[in-house]
Each structure stands twice: as C-alpha cells, then as structure tokens.
Amino acid sequence: MLISLDHLQEKIEVGELLTVVVVKAANVVSDIRENIRNLTGGRMEHYEKLIQEGVDTALENLEKKAKERGYDGVIGVKISNPMVVTGGAEIIVYGNGFKKSNRSGGVEEEIAKKGDKI
C-alpha cells in the first residue's frame, strides 16, 4: 500500500479524507527525568521515542483504515503533533484515500482538459 506525501498520482480516483489520532502516555519516572533534563538542556530522548512510536502507530492505523475502506493507498499525508502534554504526546495523521483508476489519461489529462496547470 502506498502512503505518500505527494498529492497527484497518475490514474487514481481520490477518495475521502482519512484521519487518525494517537495519544501516548509517558512513564511517570521517565517524565520526571525528562523534566530535569529540560532544565539542564540536552536531548529529551524519552519524548523523542514516545513521539516516534506515536507516529509509527498512527501511520499503521492510517494504512489499516485505508485498507478497510477499500483504498489502494493514501496521498497528501500530513503528520502533526500539536502538543506534547505533561505525561504524553498527541499525533495526528491525515490524508486522502485513493483507488487506482482504470480510466485512460489519468489525473494529468483531466487537469489539462480543465486548463489548469500541473
């Protein structure tokens, strides 16, 4: 299954917007250690790992949702972590599901017919 940041792919039918939200909680002991590190400076590796795990989970869930709805992939994927709250992280992933089209010409031909530029 294709999960892509690109918006245009040849010969596809763009479907609905698919969204996934993942909220992960931090370990209390690690959270205290990271707060101390925040005071002294340096990488907050526990939070880096927490956010990476959240992104991985969100992308897996997005792929699963796309498959369940009969899509061949997701395009225009965006990843956002609007905030890291005390003791956790929120990750939002969204994009449009798509199905491979059997039509000739594809997206570029359709845009050219409308007079728009690619």
PDB file of N, CA and C in Angstrom:
ATOM      1  N   MET A   1       0.853  -1.179   0.000  1.00  0.00           N
ATOM      2  CA  MET A   1       0.000   0.000   0.000  1.00  0.00           C
ATOM      3  C   MET A   1       0.890   1.231   0.000  1.00  0.00           C
ATOM      4  N   LEU A   2       0.530   2.214  -0.822  1.00  0.00           N
ATOM      5  CA  LEU A   2       1.290   3.453  -0.927  1.00  0.00           C
ATOM      6  C   LEU A   2       0.783   4.472   0.087  1.00  0.00           C
ATOM      7  N   ILE A   3       1.681   4.966   0.914  1.00  0.00           N
ATOM      8  CA  ILE A   3       1.406   6.081   1.817  1.00  0.00           C
ATOM      9  C   ILE A   3       2.355   7.181   1.358  1.00  0.00           C
ATOM     10  N   SER A   4       1.811   8.276   0.805  1.00  0.00           N
ATOM     11  CA  SER A   4       2.649   9.264   0.130  1.00  0.00           C
ATOM     12  C   SER A   4       2.346  10.689   0.565  1.00  0.00           C
ATOM     13  N   LEU A   5       3.390  11.509   0.589  1.00  0.00           N
ATOM     14  CA  LEU A   5       3.225  12.935   0.845  1.00  0.00           C
ATOM     15  C   LEU A   5       2.740  13.661  -0.401  1.00  0.00           C
ATOM     16  N   ASP A   6       2.957  13.062  -1.574  1.00  0.00           N
ATOM     17  CA  ASP A   6       2.548  13.680  -2.837  1.00  0.00           C
ATOM     18  C   ASP A   6       1.036  13.793  -2.924  1.00  0.00           C
ATOM     19  N   HIS A   7       0.586  14.790  -3.689  1.00  0.00           N
ATOM     20  CA  HIS A   7      -0.851  14.993  -3.866  1.00  0.00           C
ATOM     21  C   HIS A   7      -1.366  14.419  -5.176  1.00  0.00           C
ATOM     22  N   LEU A   8      -0.558  14.391  -6.207  1.00  0.00           N
ATOM     23  CA  LEU A   8      -1.017  13.899  -7.502  1.00  0.00           C
ATOM     24  C   LEU A   8      -0.306  12.607  -7.861  1.00  0.00           C
ATOM     25  N   GLN A   9      -1.061  11.637  -8.238  1.00  0.00           N
ATOM     26  CA  GLN A   9      -0.552  10.380  -8.754  1.00  0.00           C
ATOM     27  C   GLN A   9      -1.317  10.108 -10.041  1.00  0.00           C
ATOM     28  N   GLU A  10      -0.680   9.475 -10.993  1.00  0.00           N
ATOM     29  CA  GLU A  10      -1.366   9.202 -12.248  1.00  0.00           C
ATOM     30  C   GLU A  10      -2.456   8.160 -12.063  1.00  0.00           C
ATOM     31  N   LYS A  11      -3.525   8.357 -12.816  1.00  0.00           N
ATOM     32  CA  LYS A  11      -4.619   7.389 -12.930  1.00  0.00           C
ATOM     33  C   LYS A  11      -5.134   6.901 -11.576  1.00  0.00           C
ATOM     34  N   ILE A  12      -5.539   7.841 -10.754  1.00  0.00           N
ATOM     35  CA  ILE A  12      -6.143   7.480  -9.473  1.00  0.00           C
ATOM     36  C   ILE A  12      -7.466   8.208  -9.300  1.00  0.00           C
ATOM     37  N   GLU A  13      -8.300   7.657  -8.465  1.00  0.00           N
ATOM     38  CA  GLU A  13      -9.545   8.301  -8.055  1.00  0.00           C
ATOM     39  C   GLU A  13      -9.382   8.660  -6.580  1.00  0.00           C
ATOM     40  N   VAL A  14      -9.378   9.954  -6.296  1.00  0.00           N
ATOM     41  CA  VAL A  14      -9.171  10.415  -4.926  1.00  0.00           C
ATOM     42  C   VAL A  14     -10.449  10.230  -4.131  1.00  0.00           C
ATOM     43  N   GLY A  15     -10.312   9.701  -2.943  1.00  0.00           N
ATOM     44  CA  GLY A  15     -11.459   9.443  -2.083  1.00  0.00           C
ATOM     45  C   GLY A  15     -11.502  10.380  -0.895  1.00  0.00           C
ATOM     46  N   GLU A  16     -12.104   9.893   0.166  1.00  0.00           N
ATOM     47  CA  GLU A  16     -12.354  10.695   1.365  1.00  0.00           C
ATOM     48  C   GLU A  16     -11.085  10.984   2.159  1.00  0.00           C
ATOM     49  N   LEU A  17     -11.182  11.982   3.013  1.00  0.00           N
ATOM     50  CA  LEU A  17     -10.108  12.307   3.945  1.00  0.00           C
ATOM     51  C   LEU A  17     -10.130  11.287   5.074  1.00  0.00           C
ATOM     52  N   LEU A  18      -8.996  10.664   5.315  1.00  0.00           N
ATOM     53  CA  LEU A  18      -8.862   9.694   6.397  1.00  0.00           C
ATOM     54  C   LEU A  18      -8.030  10.330   7.503  1.00  0.00           C
ATOM     55  N   THR A  19      -8.469  10.200   8.733  1.00  0.00           N
ATOM     56  CA  THR A  19      -7.734  10.782   9.855  1.00  0.00           C
ATOM     57  C   THR A  19      -7.498   9.739  10.939  1.00  0.00           C
ATOM     58  N   VAL A  20      -6.383   9.891  11.618  1.00  0.00           N
ATOM     59  CA  VAL A  20      -6.043   9.026  12.745  1.00  0.00           C
ATOM     60  C   VAL A  20      -5.442   9.912  13.834  1.00  0.00           C
ATOM     61  N   VAL A  21      -5.843   9.689  15.064  1.00  0.00           N
ATOM     62  CA  VAL A  21      -5.272  10.399  16.209  1.00  0.00           C
ATOM     63  C   VAL A  21      -4.732   9.356  17.182  1.00  0.00           C
ATOM     64  N   VAL A  22      -3.506   9.559  17.629  1.00  0.00           N
ATOM     65  CA  VAL A  22      -2.889   8.675  18.616  1.00  0.00           C
ATOM     66  C   VAL A  22      -2.402   9.542  19.769  1.00  0.00           C
ATOM     67  N   VAL A  23      -2.741   9.158  20.980  1.00  0.00           N
ATOM     68  CA  VAL A  23      -2.240   9.843  22.173  1.00  0.00           C
ATOM     69  C   VAL A  23      -1.516   8.798  23.008  1.00  0.00           C
ATOM     70  N   LYS A  24      -0.247   9.053  23.282  1.00  0.00           N
ATOM     71  CA  LYS A  24       0.559   8.107  24.047  1.00  0.00           C
ATOM     72  C   LYS A  24       0.955   8.734  25.374  1.00  0.00           C
ATOM     73  N   ALA A  25       0.917   7.938  26.414  1.00  0.00           N
ATOM     74  CA  ALA A  25       1.292   8.411  27.750  1.00  0.00           C
ATOM     75  C   ALA A  25       2.747   8.064  28.033  1.00  0.00           C
ATOM     76  N   ALA A  26       3.412   8.959  28.720  1.00  0.00           N
ATOM     77  CA  ALA A  26       4.800   8.731  29.125  1.00  0.00           C
ATOM     78  C   ALA A  26       4.833   8.025  30.473  1.00  0.00           C
ATOM     79  N   ASN A  27       5.932   7.365  30.734  1.00  0.00           N
ATOM     80  CA  ASN A  27       6.192   6.747  32.020  1.00  0.00           C
ATOM     81  C   ASN A  27       6.467   7.861  33.030  1.00  0.00           C
ATOM     82  N   VAL A  28       5.850   7.811  34.189  1.00  0.00           N
ATOM     83  CA  VAL A  28       5.972   8.875  35.190  1.00  0.00           C
ATOM     84  C   VAL A  28       7.424   9.097  35.600  1.00  0.00           C
ATOM     85  N   VAL A  29       8.171   8.027  35.826  1.00  0.00           N
ATOM     86  CA  VAL A  29       9.575   8.154  36.232  1.00  0.00           C
ATOM     87  C   VAL A  29      10.388   8.806  35.114  1.00  0.00           C
ATOM     88  N   SER A  30      10.177   8.357  33.885  1.00  0.00           N
ATOM     89  CA  SER A  30      10.881   8.950  32.749  1.00  0.00           C
ATOM     90  C   SER A  30      10.481  10.400  32.556  1.00  0.00           C
ATOM     91  N   ASP A  31       9.232  10.705  32.826  1.00  0.00           N
ATOM     92  CA  ASP A  31       8.742  12.074  32.687  1.00  0.00           C
ATOM     93  C   ASP A  31       9.469  13.007  33.657  1.00  0.00           C
ATOM     94  N   ILE A  32       9.683  12.552  34.872  1.00  0.00           N
ATOM     95  CA  ILE A  32      10.416  13.354  35.866  1.00  0.00           C
ATOM     96  C   ILE A  32      11.852  13.582  35.392  1.00  0.00           C
ATOM     97  N   ARG A  33      12.487  12.514  34.894  1.00  0.00           N
ATOM     98  CA  ARG A  33      13.862  12.626  34.394  1.00  0.00           C
ATOM     99  C   ARG A  33      13.940  13.617  33.229  1.00  0.00           C
ATOM    100  N   GLU A  34      12.957  13.568  32.318  1.00  0.00           N
ATOM    101  CA  GLU A  34      12.951  14.475  31.168  1.00  0.00           C
ATOM    102  C   GLU A  34      12.720  15.918  31.602  1.00  0.00           C
ATOM    103  N   ASN A  35      11.925  16.128  32.637  1.00  0.00           N
ATOM    104  CA  ASN A  35      11.720  17.493  33.140  1.00  0.00           C
ATOM    105  C   ASN A  35      13.013  18.063  33.717  1.00  0.00           C
ATOM    106  N   ILE A  36      13.800  17.230  34.373  1.00  0.00           N
ATOM    107  CA  ILE A  36      15.104  17.670  34.881  1.00  0.00           C
ATOM    108  C   ILE A  36      16.031  17.980  33.708  1.00  0.00           C
ATOM    109  N   ARG A  37      16.022  17.112  32.692  1.00  0.00           N
ATOM    110  CA  ARG A  37      16.847  17.342  31.504  1.00  0.00           C
ATOM    111  C   ARG A  37      16.441  18.641  30.814  1.00  0.00           C
ATOM    112  N   ASN A  38      15.162  18.955  30.843  1.00  0.00           N
ATOM    113  CA  ASN A  38      14.668  20.192  30.243  1.00  0.00           C
ATOM    114  C   ASN A  38      15.293  21.407  30.931  1.00  0.00           C
ATOM    115  N   LEU A  39      15.534  21.291  32.221  1.00  0.00           N
ATOM    116  CA  LEU A  39      16.157  22.388  32.969  1.00  0.00           C
ATOM    117  C   LEU A  39      17.639  22.533  32.645  1.00  0.00           C
ATOM    118  N   THR A  40      18.310  21.402  32.407  1.00  0.00           N
ATOM    119  CA  THR A  40      19.759  21.425  32.192  1.00  0.00           C
ATOM    120  C   THR A  40      20.145  21.465  30.722  1.00  0.00           C
ATOM    121  N   GLY A  41      19.208  21.206  29.837  1.00  0.00           N
ATOM    122  CA  GLY A  41      19.499  21.184  28.401  1.00  0.00           C
ATOM    123  C   GLY A  41      19.849  19.784  27.925  1.00  0.00           C
ATOM    124  N   GLY A  42      19.768  19.577  26.642  1.00  0.00           N
ATOM    125  CA  GLY A  42      20.091  18.273  26.062  1.00  0.00           C
ATOM    126  C   GLY A  42      18.881  17.645  25.406  1.00  0.00           C
ATOM    127  N   ARG A  43      19.148  16.539  24.728  1.00  0.00           N
ATOM    128  CA  ARG A  43      18.080  15.824  24.026  1.00  0.00           C
ATOM    129  C   ARG A  43      17.139  15.154  25.020  1.00  0.00           C
ATOM    130  N   MET A  44      15.871  15.218  24.705  1.00  0.00           N
ATOM    131  CA  MET A  44      14.856  14.568  25.538  1.00  0.00           C
ATOM    132  C   MET A  44      14.483  13.251  24.855  1.00  0.00           C
ATOM    133  N   GLU A  45      15.382  12.275  24.976  1.00  0.00           N
ATOM    134  CA  GLU A  45      15.271  11.030  24.231  1.00  0.00           C
ATOM    135  C   GLU A  45      13.999  10.258  24.538  1.00  0.00           C
ATOM    136  N   HIS A  46      13.532  10.324  25.761  1.00  0.00           N
ATOM    137  CA  HIS A  46      12.294   9.616  26.105  1.00  0.00           C
ATOM    138  C   HIS A  46      11.130  10.165  25.288  1.00  0.00           C
ATOM    139  N   TYR A  47      11.039  11.493  25.174  1.00  0.00           N
ATOM    140  CA  TYR A  47       9.962  12.096  24.392  1.00  0.00           C
ATOM    141  C   TYR A  47      10.156  11.863  22.900  1.00  0.00           C
ATOM    142  N   GLU A  48      11.413  11.855  22.433  1.00  0.00           N
ATOM    143  CA  GLU A  48      11.672  11.540  21.030  1.00  0.00           C
ATOM    144  C   GLU A  48      11.129  10.151  20.698  1.00  0.00           C
ATOM    145  N   LYS A  49      11.443   9.196  21.571  1.00  0.00           N
ATOM    146  CA  LYS A  49      10.975   7.823  21.364  1.00  0.00           C
ATOM    147  C   LYS A  49       9.448   7.759  21.436  1.00  0.00           C
ATOM    148  N   LEU A  50       8.871   8.460  22.386  1.00  0.00           N
ATOM    149  CA  LEU A  50       7.420   8.483  22.559  1.00  0.00           C
ATOM    150  C   LEU A  50       6.732   9.013  21.299  1.00  0.00           C
ATOM    151  N   ILE A  51       7.248  10.117  20.759  1.00  0.00           N
ATOM    152  CA  ILE A  51       6.652  10.706  19.558  1.00  0.00           C
ATOM    153  C   ILE A  51       6.860   9.794  18.355  1.00  0.00           C
ATOM    154  N   GLN A  52       8.060   9.213  18.199  1.00  0.00           N
ATOM    155  CA  GLN A  52       8.314   8.315  17.068  1.00  0.00           C
ATOM    156  C   GLN A  52       7.388   7.107  17.109  1.00  0.00           C
ATOM    157  N   GLU A  53       7.202   6.525  18.292  1.00  0.00           N
ATOM    158  CA  GLU A  53       6.278   5.392  18.426  1.00  0.00           C
ATOM    159  C   GLU A  53       4.856   5.812  18.072  1.00  0.00           C
ATOM    160  N   GLY A  54       4.468   7.018  18.481  1.00  0.00           N
ATOM    161  CA  GLY A  54       3.137   7.521  18.156  1.00  0.00           C
ATOM    162  C   GLY A  54       2.945   7.713  16.663  1.00  0.00           C
ATOM    163  N   VAL A  55       3.956   8.261  15.986  1.00  0.00           N
ATOM    164  CA  VAL A  55       3.889   8.453  14.531  1.00  0.00           C
ATOM    165  C   VAL A  55       3.798   7.102  13.834  1.00  0.00           C
ATOM    166  N   ASP A  56       4.634   6.146  14.240  1.00  0.00           N
ATOM    167  CA  ASP A  56       4.603   4.808  13.640  1.00  0.00           C
ATOM    168  C   ASP A  56       3.234   4.158  13.811  1.00  0.00           C
ATOM    169  N   THR A  57       2.683   4.252  15.012  1.00  0.00           N
ATOM    170  CA  THR A  57       1.357   3.685  15.282  1.00  0.00           C
ATOM    171  C   THR A  57       0.292   4.368  14.437  1.00  0.00           C
ATOM    172  N   ALA A  58       0.362   5.691  14.341  1.00  0.00           N
ATOM    173  CA  ALA A  58      -0.628   6.439  13.562  1.00  0.00           C
ATOM    174  C   ALA A  58      -0.564   6.061  12.086  1.00  0.00           C
ATOM    175  N   LEU A  59       0.638   5.928  11.525  1.00  0.00           N
ATOM    176  CA  LEU A  59       0.765   5.539  10.114  1.00  0.00           C
ATOM    177  C   LEU A  59       0.243   4.122   9.883  1.00  0.00           C
ATOM    178  N   GLU A  60       0.524   3.218  10.818  1.00  0.00           N
ATOM    179  CA  GLU A  60      -0.010   1.853  10.715  1.00  0.00           C
ATOM    180  C   GLU A  60      -1.539   1.878  10.753  1.00  0.00           C
ATOM    181  N   ASN A  61      -2.104   2.681  11.649  1.00  0.00           N
ATOM    182  CA  ASN A  61      -3.563   2.780  11.750  1.00  0.00           C
ATOM    183  C   ASN A  61      -4.171   3.418  10.508  1.00  0.00           C
ATOM    184  N   LEU A  62      -3.474   4.400   9.911  1.00  0.00           N
ATOM    185  CA  LEU A  62      -3.953   5.034   8.681  1.00  0.00           C
ATOM    186  C   LEU A  62      -3.983   4.017   7.545  1.00  0.00           C
ATOM    187  N   GLU A  63      -2.940   3.222   7.434  1.00  0.00           N
ATOM    188  CA  GLU A  63      -2.894   2.183   6.405  1.00  0.00           C
ATOM    189  C   GLU A  63      -4.014   1.166   6.619  1.00  0.00           C
ATOM    190  N   LYS A  64      -4.229   0.764   7.859  1.00  0.00           N
ATOM    191  CA  LYS A  64      -5.294  -0.194   8.182  1.00  0.00           C
ATOM    192  C   LYS A  64      -6.663   0.382   7.818  1.00  0.00           C
ATOM    193  N   LYS A  65      -6.898   1.655   8.159  1.00  0.00           N
ATOM    194  CA  LYS A  65      -8.175   2.296   7.854  1.00  0.00           C
ATOM    195  C   LYS A  65      -8.395   2.363   6.345  1.00  0.00           C
ATOM    196  N   ALA A  66      -7.339   2.694   5.599  1.00  0.00           N
ATOM    197  CA  ALA A  66      -7.443   2.773   4.140  1.00  0.00           C
ATOM    198  C   ALA A  66      -7.794   1.407   3.550  1.00  0.00           C
ATOM    199  N   LYS A  67      -7.140   0.354   4.026  1.00  0.00           N
ATOM    200  CA  LYS A  67      -7.425  -0.999   3.540  1.00  0.00           C
ATOM    201  C   LYS A  67      -8.865  -1.394   3.850  1.00  0.00           C
ATOM    202  N   GLU A  68      -9.317  -1.103   5.079  1.00  0.00           N
ATOM    203  CA  GLU A  68     -10.684  -1.446   5.477  1.00  0.00           C
ATOM    204  C   GLU A  68     -11.719  -0.767   4.590  1.00  0.00           C
ATOM    205  N   ARG A  69     -11.397   0.419   4.074  1.00  0.00           N
ATOM    206  CA  ARG A  69     -12.341   1.166   3.236  1.00  0.00           C
ATOM    207  C   ARG A  69     -12.122   0.920   1.745  1.00  0.00           C
ATOM    208  N   GLY A  70     -11.257  -0.030   1.434  1.00  0.00           N
ATOM    209  CA  GLY A  70     -11.071  -0.439   0.049  1.00  0.00           C
ATOM    210  C   GLY A  70     -10.144   0.435  -0.778  1.00  0.00           C
ATOM    211  N   TYR A  71      -9.324   1.250  -0.143  1.00  0.00           N
ATOM    212  CA  TYR A  71      -8.398   2.111  -0.877  1.00  0.00           C
ATOM    213  C   TYR A  71      -7.090   1.381  -1.163  1.00  0.00           C
ATOM    214  N   ASP A  72      -6.415   1.814  -2.226  1.00  0.00           N
ATOM    215  CA  ASP A  72      -5.116   1.259  -2.596  1.00  0.00           C
ATOM    216  C   ASP A  72      -3.969   1.984  -1.907  1.00  0.00           C
ATOM    217  N   GLY A  73      -4.248   3.121  -1.308  1.00  0.00           N
ATOM    218  CA  GLY A  73      -3.218   3.890  -0.631  1.00  0.00           C
ATOM    219  C   GLY A  73      -3.776   5.200  -0.113  1.00  0.00           C
ATOM    220  N   VAL A  74      -2.875   6.045   0.379  1.00  0.00           N
ATOM    221  CA  VAL A  74      -3.247   7.354   0.916  1.00  0.00           C
ATOM    222  C   VAL A  74      -2.252   8.375   0.361  1.00  0.00           C
ATOM    223  N   ILE A  75      -2.772   9.483  -0.173  1.00  0.00           N
ATOM    224  CA  ILE A  75      -1.908  10.540  -0.698  1.00  0.00           C
ATOM    225  C   ILE A  75      -2.093  11.822   0.101  1.00  0.00           C
ATOM    226  N   GLY A  76      -1.140  12.719  -0.039  1.00  0.00           N
ATOM    227  CA  GLY A  76      -1.212  14.000   0.663  1.00  0.00           C
ATOM    228  C   GLY A  76      -1.128  13.843   2.164  1.00  0.00           C
ATOM    229  N   VAL A  77      -0.362  12.862   2.621  1.00  0.00           N
ATOM    230  CA  VAL A  77      -0.291  12.556   4.052  1.00  0.00           C
ATOM    231  C   VAL A  77       0.419  13.683   4.805  1.00  0.00           C
ATOM    232  N   LYS A  78      -0.174  14.079   5.895  1.00  0.00           N
ATOM    233  CA  LYS A  78       0.393  15.088   6.790  1.00  0.00           C
ATOM    234  C   LYS A  78       0.480  14.494   8.192  1.00  0.00           C
ATOM    235  N   ILE A  79       1.553  14.848   8.889  1.00  0.00           N
ATOM    236  CA  ILE A  79       1.760  14.392  10.265  1.00  0.00           C
ATOM    237  C   ILE A  79       1.912  15.624  11.140  1.00  0.00           C
ATOM    238  N   SER A  80       1.153  15.661  12.216  1.00  0.00           N
ATOM    239  CA  SER A  80       1.190  16.814  13.106  1.00  0.00           C
ATOM    240  C   SER A  80       1.227  16.341  14.548  1.00  0.00           C
ATOM    241  N   ASN A  81       2.080  16.973  15.352  1.00  0.00           N
ATOM    242  CA  ASN A  81       1.996  16.752  16.793  1.00  0.00           C
ATOM    243  C   ASN A  81       1.802  18.122  17.416  1.00  0.00           C
ATOM    244  N   PRO A  82       0.530  18.496  17.559  1.00  0.00           N
ATOM    245  CA  PRO A  82       0.222  19.844  18.010  1.00  0.00           C
ATOM    246  C   PRO A  82       0.730  20.178  19.401  1.00  0.00           C
ATOM    247  N   MET A  83       0.937  19.172  20.226  1.00  0.00           N
ATOM    248  CA  MET A  83       1.425  19.472  21.573  1.00  0.00           C
ATOM    249  C   MET A  83       1.992  18.223  22.217  1.00  0.00           C
ATOM    250  N   VAL A  84       2.954  18.438  23.076  1.00  0.00           N
ATOM    251  CA  VAL A  84       3.395  17.378  23.981  1.00  0.00           C
ATOM    252  C   VAL A  84       2.912  17.821  25.346  1.00  0.00           C
ATOM    253  N   VAL A  85       1.931  17.127  25.859  1.00  0.00           N
ATOM    254  CA  VAL A  85       1.362  17.486  27.153  1.00  0.00           C
ATOM    255  C   VAL A  85       2.179  16.821  28.250  1.00  0.00           C
ATOM    256  N   THR A  86       2.034  17.285  29.442  1.00  0.00           N
ATOM    257  CA  THR A  86       2.727  16.657  30.554  1.00  0.00           C
ATOM    258  C   THR A  86       2.309  15.199  30.622  1.00  0.00           C
ATOM    259  N   GLY A  87       3.268  14.337  30.443  1.00  0.00           N
ATOM    260  CA  GLY A  87       2.992  12.915  30.541  1.00  0.00           C
ATOM    261  C   GLY A  87       2.477  12.272  29.274  1.00  0.00           C
ATOM    262  N   GLY A  88       2.543  12.960  28.128  1.00  0.00           N
ATOM    263  CA  GLY A  88       2.054  12.321  26.918  1.00  0.00           C
ATOM    264  C   GLY A  88       2.329  13.111  25.662  1.00  0.00           C
ATOM    265  N   ALA A  89       1.972  12.522  24.534  1.00  0.00           N
ATOM    266  CA  ALA A  89       2.147  13.167  23.235  1.00  0.00           C
ATOM    267  C   ALA A  89       0.935  12.853  22.366  1.00  0.00           C
ATOM    268  N   GLU A  90       0.528  13.827  21.553  1.00  0.00           N
ATOM    269  CA  GLU A  90      -0.595  13.657  20.637  1.00  0.00           C
ATOM    270  C   GLU A  90      -0.054  13.722  19.216  1.00  0.00           C
ATOM    271  N   ILE A  91      -0.438  12.759  18.385  1.00  0.00           N
ATOM    272  CA  ILE A  91      -0.023  12.727  16.993  1.00  0.00           C
ATOM    273  C   ILE A  91      -1.269  12.612  16.130  1.00  0.00           C
ATOM    274  N   ILE A  92      -1.377  13.477  15.122  1.00  0.00           N
ATOM    275  CA  ILE A  92      -2.488  13.438  14.177  1.00  0.00           C
ATOM    276  C   ILE A  92      -1.901  13.167  12.799  1.00  0.00           C
ATOM    277  N   VAL A  93      -2.449  12.185  12.095  1.00  0.00           N
ATOM    278  CA  VAL A  93      -2.022  11.853  10.739  1.00  0.00           C
ATOM    279  C   VAL A  93      -3.261  11.852   9.863  1.00  0.00           C
ATOM    280  N   TYR A  94      -3.167  12.503   8.689  1.00  0.00           N
ATOM    281  CA  TYR A  94      -4.316  12.517   7.791  1.00  0.00           C
ATOM    282  C   TYR A  94      -3.874  12.595   6.340  1.00  0.00           C
ATOM    283  N   GLY A  95      -4.749  12.153   5.450  1.00  0.00           N
ATOM    284  CA  GLY A  95      -4.511  12.188   4.010  1.00  0.00           C
ATOM    285  C   GLY A  95      -5.743  11.658   3.306  1.00  0.00           C
ATOM    286  N   ASN A  96      -5.750  11.739   1.972  1.00  0.00           N
ATOM    287  CA  ASN A  96      -6.878  11.261   1.184  1.00  0.00           C
ATOM    288  C   ASN A  96      -6.624   9.846   0.699  1.00  0.00           C
ATOM    289  N   GLY A  97      -7.605   8.983   0.909  1.00  0.00           N
ATOM    290  CA  GLY A  97      -7.531   7.649   0.352  1.00  0.00           C
ATOM    291  C   GLY A  97      -7.651   7.741  -1.158  1.00  0.00           C
ATOM    292  N   PHE A  98      -7.070   6.764  -1.875  1.00  0.00           N
ATOM    293  CA  PHE A  98      -7.231   6.743  -3.324  1.00  0.00           C
ATOM    294  C   PHE A  98      -7.354   5.320  -3.816  1.00  0.00           C
ATOM    295  N   LYS A  99      -7.986   5.205  -4.975  1.00  0.00           N
ATOM    296  CA  LYS A  99      -8.090   3.932  -5.678  1.00  0.00           C
ATOM    297  C   LYS A  99      -7.453   4.108  -7.040  1.00  0.00           C
ATOM    298  N   LYS A 100      -6.761   3.080  -7.486  1.00  0.00           N
ATOM    299  CA  LYS A 100      -6.178   3.125  -8.820  1.00  0.00           C
ATOM    300  C   LYS A 100      -7.311   3.149  -9.830  1.00  0.00           C
ATOM    301  N   SER A 101      -7.189   4.030 -10.810  1.00  0.00           N
ATOM    302  CA  SER A 101      -8.243   4.213 -11.800  1.00  0.00           C
ATOM    303  C   SER A 101      -7.954   3.376 -13.034  1.00  0.00           C
ATOM    304  N   ASN A 102      -9.013   2.860 -13.635  1.00  0.00           N
ATOM    305  CA  ASN A 102      -8.887   2.140 -14.897  1.00  0.00           C
ATOM    306  C   ASN A 102      -9.096   3.063 -16.085  1.00  0.00           C
ATOM    307  N   ARG A 103      -9.383   4.344 -15.787  1.00  0.00           N
ATOM    308  CA  ARG A 103      -9.614   5.304 -16.860  1.00  0.00           C
ATOM    309  C   ARG A 103      -8.305   5.614 -17.564  1.00  0.00           C
ATOM    310  N   SER A 104      -8.387   5.913 -18.852  1.00  0.00           N
ATOM    311  CA  SER A 104      -7.186   6.317 -19.579  1.00  0.00           C
ATOM    312  C   SER A 104      -6.922   7.785 -19.315  1.00  0.00           C
ATOM    313  N   GLY A 105      -5.666   8.175 -19.420  1.00  0.00           N
ATOM    314  CA  GLY A 105      -5.329   9.585 -19.290  1.00  0.00           C
ATOM    315  C   GLY A 105      -4.878   9.959 -17.905  1.00  0.00           C
ATOM    316  N   GLY A 106      -5.571   9.566 -16.906  1.00  0.00           N
ATOM    317  CA  GLY A 106      -5.185   9.865 -15.540  1.00  0.00           C
ATOM    318  C   GLY A 106      -5.412  11.308 -15.150  1.00  0.00           C
ATOM    319  N   VAL A 107      -4.860  11.670 -14.035  1.00  0.00           N
ATOM    320  CA  VAL A 107      -5.065  12.977 -13.426  1.00  0.00           C
ATOM    321  C   VAL A 107      -4.542  14.093 -14.314  1.00  0.00           C
ATOM    322  N   GLU A 108      -3.349  13.911 -14.905  1.00  0.00           N
ATOM    323  CA  GLU A 108      -2.749  14.975 -15.705  1.00  0.00           C
ATOM    324  C   GLU A 108      -3.620  15.343 -16.896  1.00  0.00           C
ATOM    325  N   GLU A 109      -4.212  14.349 -17.558  1.00  0.00           N
ATOM    326  CA  GLU A 109      -5.091  14.626 -18.697  1.00  0.00           C
ATOM    327  C   GLU A 109      -6.335  15.381 -18.244  1.00  0.00           C
ATOM    328  N   GLU A 110      -6.887  15.007 -17.099  1.00  0.00           N
ATOM    329  CA  GLU A 110      -8.075  15.693 -16.589  1.00  0.00           C
ATOM    330  C   GLU A 110      -7.772  17.148 -16.262  1.00  0.00           C
ATOM    331  N   ILE A 111      -6.610  17.414 -15.681  1.00  0.00           N
ATOM    332  CA  ILE A 111      -6.227  18.789 -15.364  1.00  0.00           C
ATOM    333  C   ILE A 111      -6.041  19.590 -16.647  1.00  0.00           C
ATOM    334  N   ALA A 112      -5.393  18.982 -17.645  1.00  0.00           N
ATOM    335  CA  ALA A 112      -5.172  19.668 -18.920  1.00  0.00           C
ATOM    336  C   ALA A 112      -6.494  20.030 -19.588  1.00  0.00           C
ATOM    337  N   LYS A 113      -7.499  19.161 -19.485  1.00  0.00           N
ATOM    338  CA  LYS A 113      -8.820  19.439 -20.070  1.00  0.00           C
ATOM    339  C   LYS A 113      -9.455  20.658 -19.424  1.00  0.00           C
ATOM    340  N   LYS A 114      -9.217  20.845 -18.132  1.00  0.00           N
ATOM    341  CA  LYS A 114      -9.801  21.978 -17.415  1.00  0.00           C
ATOM    342  C   LYS A 114      -9.007  23.257 -17.648  1.00  0.00           C
ATOM    343  N   GLY A 115      -7.814  23.142 -18.224  1.00  0.00           N
ATOM    344  CA  GLY A 115      -6.985  24.314 -18.469  1.00  0.00           C
ATOM    345  C   GLY A 115      -6.121  24.703 -17.290  1.00  0.00           C
ATOM    346  N   ASP A 116      -6.118  23.897 -16.247  1.00  0.00           N
ATOM    347  CA  ASP A 116      -5.275  24.182 -15.086  1.00  0.00           C
ATOM    348  C   ASP A 116      -3.846  23.731 -15.363  1.00  0.00           C
ATOM    349  N   LYS A 117      -2.913  24.249 -14.588  1.00  0.00           N
ATOM    350  CA  LYS A 117      -1.515  23.847 -14.707  1.00  0.00           C
ATOM    351  C   LYS A 117      -1.191  22.834 -13.632  1.00  0.00           C
ATOM    352  N   ILE A 118      -0.289  21.952 -13.973  1.00  0.00           N
ATOM    353  CA  ILE A 118       0.159  20.936 -13.013  1.00  0.00           C
ATOM    354  C   ILE A 118       1.265  21.520 -12.177  1.00  0.00           C
TER     355      ILE A 118
END
